[in-house]
Amino acid sequence: MDEPKKDVPLTNVCPACGVRFTCGMAAGLEACWCASLPPVLAVPAAGAGQCYCPDCLRKVIAEAEAR
């Protein structure tokens, strides 16, 4: 899994596996790690939903591409 930089806060909890990770948007970064992955899911609006951690999002993408 992508490791967050030490000075960047862990902002989210993955709804699929419960791991804590950093969402670049929530942390106020210029970009998020997920922007480098295929756009299979819409990014949730602030407060509207939860993002998956890097490992779980890669699994969701692989499942969507297999269909």
C-alpha atoms as a PDB file:
ATOM      1  CA  MET A   1       0.000   0.000   0.000  1.00  0.00           C
ATOM      2  CA  ASP A   2       1.115   3.562  -0.609  1.00  0.00           C
ATOM      3  CA  GLU A   3       2.665   4.959   2.544  1.00  0.00           C
ATOM      4  CA  PRO A   4       1.712   8.522   3.461  1.00  0.00           C
ATOM      5  CA  LYS A   5       4.448  11.031   4.101  1.00  0.00           C
ATOM      6  CA  LYS A   6       5.179  11.399   7.802  1.00  0.00           C
ATOM      7  CA  ASP A   7       4.019  15.034   7.898  1.00  0.00           C
ATOM      8  CA  VAL A   8       0.712  14.292   6.118  1.00  0.00           C
ATOM      9  CA  PRO A   9      -2.163  13.260   8.413  1.00  0.00           C
ATOM     10  CA  LEU A  10      -4.091  10.018   8.099  1.00  0.00           C
ATOM     11  CA  THR A  11      -7.477  11.425   7.122  1.00  0.00           C
ATOM     12  CA  ASN A  12      -9.724   8.486   6.277  1.00  0.00           C
ATOM     13  CA  VAL A  13     -10.759   4.995   7.298  1.00  0.00           C
ATOM     14  CA  CYS A  14     -11.397   2.583   4.428  1.00  0.00           C
ATOM     15  CA  PRO A  15     -15.024   1.368   4.446  1.00  0.00           C
ATOM     16  CA  ALA A  16     -13.942  -2.010   3.052  1.00  0.00           C
ATOM     17  CA  CYS A  17     -11.051  -3.021   5.312  1.00  0.00           C
ATOM     18  CA  GLY A  18     -10.850  -0.412   8.094  1.00  0.00           C
ATOM     19  CA  VAL A  19      -7.258   0.685   7.454  1.00  0.00           C
ATOM     20  CA  ARG A  20      -6.415   4.353   8.046  1.00  0.00           C
ATOM     21  CA  PHE A  21      -4.908   6.208   5.089  1.00  0.00           C
ATOM     22  CA  THR A  22      -4.369   9.676   3.686  1.00  0.00           C
ATOM     23  CA  CYS A  23      -6.746  11.151   1.138  1.00  0.00           C
ATOM     24  CA  GLY A  24      -4.845  13.947  -0.575  1.00  0.00           C
ATOM     25  CA  MET A  25      -7.999  16.000  -1.054  1.00  0.00           C
ATOM     26  CA  ALA A  26      -8.976  15.725   2.615  1.00  0.00           C
ATOM     27  CA  ALA A  27      -5.390  16.484   3.696  1.00  0.00           C
ATOM     28  CA  GLY A  28      -5.307  19.639   1.568  1.00  0.00           C
ATOM     29  CA  LEU A  29      -2.667  18.352  -0.828  1.00  0.00           C
ATOM     30  CA  GLU A  30      -2.424  19.495  -4.435  1.00  0.00           C
ATOM     31  CA  ALA A  31      -3.289  15.990  -5.669  1.00  0.00           C
ATOM     32  CA  CYS A  32      -4.271  12.631  -4.256  1.00  0.00           C
ATOM     33  CA  TRP A  33      -2.634   9.267  -4.908  1.00  0.00           C
ATOM     34  CA  CYS A  34      -5.907   8.021  -6.416  1.00  0.00           C
ATOM     35  CA  ALA A  35      -5.601  10.458  -9.329  1.00  0.00           C
ATOM     36  CA  SER A  36      -2.911   8.199 -10.795  1.00  0.00           C
ATOM     37  CA  LEU A  37      -5.346   5.247 -10.996  1.00  0.00           C
ATOM     38  CA  PRO A  38      -8.046   4.637 -13.640  1.00  0.00           C
ATOM     39  CA  PRO A  39     -11.225   6.645 -12.893  1.00  0.00           C
ATOM     40  CA  VAL A  40     -13.601   3.757 -12.171  1.00  0.00           C
ATOM     41  CA  LEU A  41     -15.514   5.431  -9.327  1.00  0.00           C
ATOM     42  CA  ALA A  42     -16.531   9.017  -8.810  1.00  0.00           C
ATOM     43  CA  VAL A  43     -14.720  10.832  -6.014  1.00  0.00           C
ATOM     44  CA  PRO A  44     -17.253  11.427  -3.234  1.00  0.00           C
ATOM     45  CA  ALA A  45     -18.202  15.023  -2.522  1.00  0.00           C
ATOM     46  CA  ALA A  46     -17.081  16.365   0.845  1.00  0.00           C
ATOM     47  CA  GLY A  47     -19.037  14.542   3.523  1.00  0.00           C
ATOM     48  CA  ALA A  48     -20.996  12.482   0.973  1.00  0.00           C
ATOM     49  CA  GLY A  49     -19.101   9.234   1.167  1.00  0.00           C
ATOM     50  CA  GLN A  50     -15.861   7.503   1.915  1.00  0.00           C
ATOM     51  CA  CYS A  51     -12.846   6.729  -0.214  1.00  0.00           C
ATOM     52  CA  TYR A  52     -11.218   3.320  -0.378  1.00  0.00           C
ATOM     53  CA  CYS A  53      -7.618   2.807   0.718  1.00  0.00           C
ATOM     54  CA  PRO A  54      -5.055   2.221  -2.059  1.00  0.00           C
ATOM     55  CA  ASP A  55      -5.211  -1.588  -1.796  1.00  0.00           C
ATOM     56  CA  CYS A  56      -9.013  -1.785  -1.767  1.00  0.00           C
ATOM     57  CA  LEU A  57      -9.404   0.753  -4.579  1.00  0.00           C
ATOM     58  CA  ARG A  58      -7.016  -1.279  -6.733  1.00  0.00           C
ATOM     59  CA  LYS A  59      -9.166  -4.371  -6.042  1.00  0.00           C
ATOM     60  CA  VAL A  60     -12.358  -2.487  -6.994  1.00  0.00           C
ATOM     61  CA  ILE A  61     -10.711  -1.283 -10.207  1.00  0.00           C
ATOM     62  CA  ALA A  62      -9.484  -4.784 -11.095  1.00  0.00           C
ATOM     63  CA  GLU A  63     -12.997  -6.199 -10.531  1.00  0.00           C
ATOM     64  CA  ALA A  64     -14.575  -3.475 -12.685  1.00  0.00           C
ATOM     65  CA  GLU A  65     -12.056  -4.020 -15.476  1.00  0.00           C
ATOM     66  CA  ALA A  66     -12.681  -7.795 -15.390  1.00  0.00           C
ATOM     67  CA  ARG A  67     -16.387  -7.274 -16.184  1.00  0.00           C
END
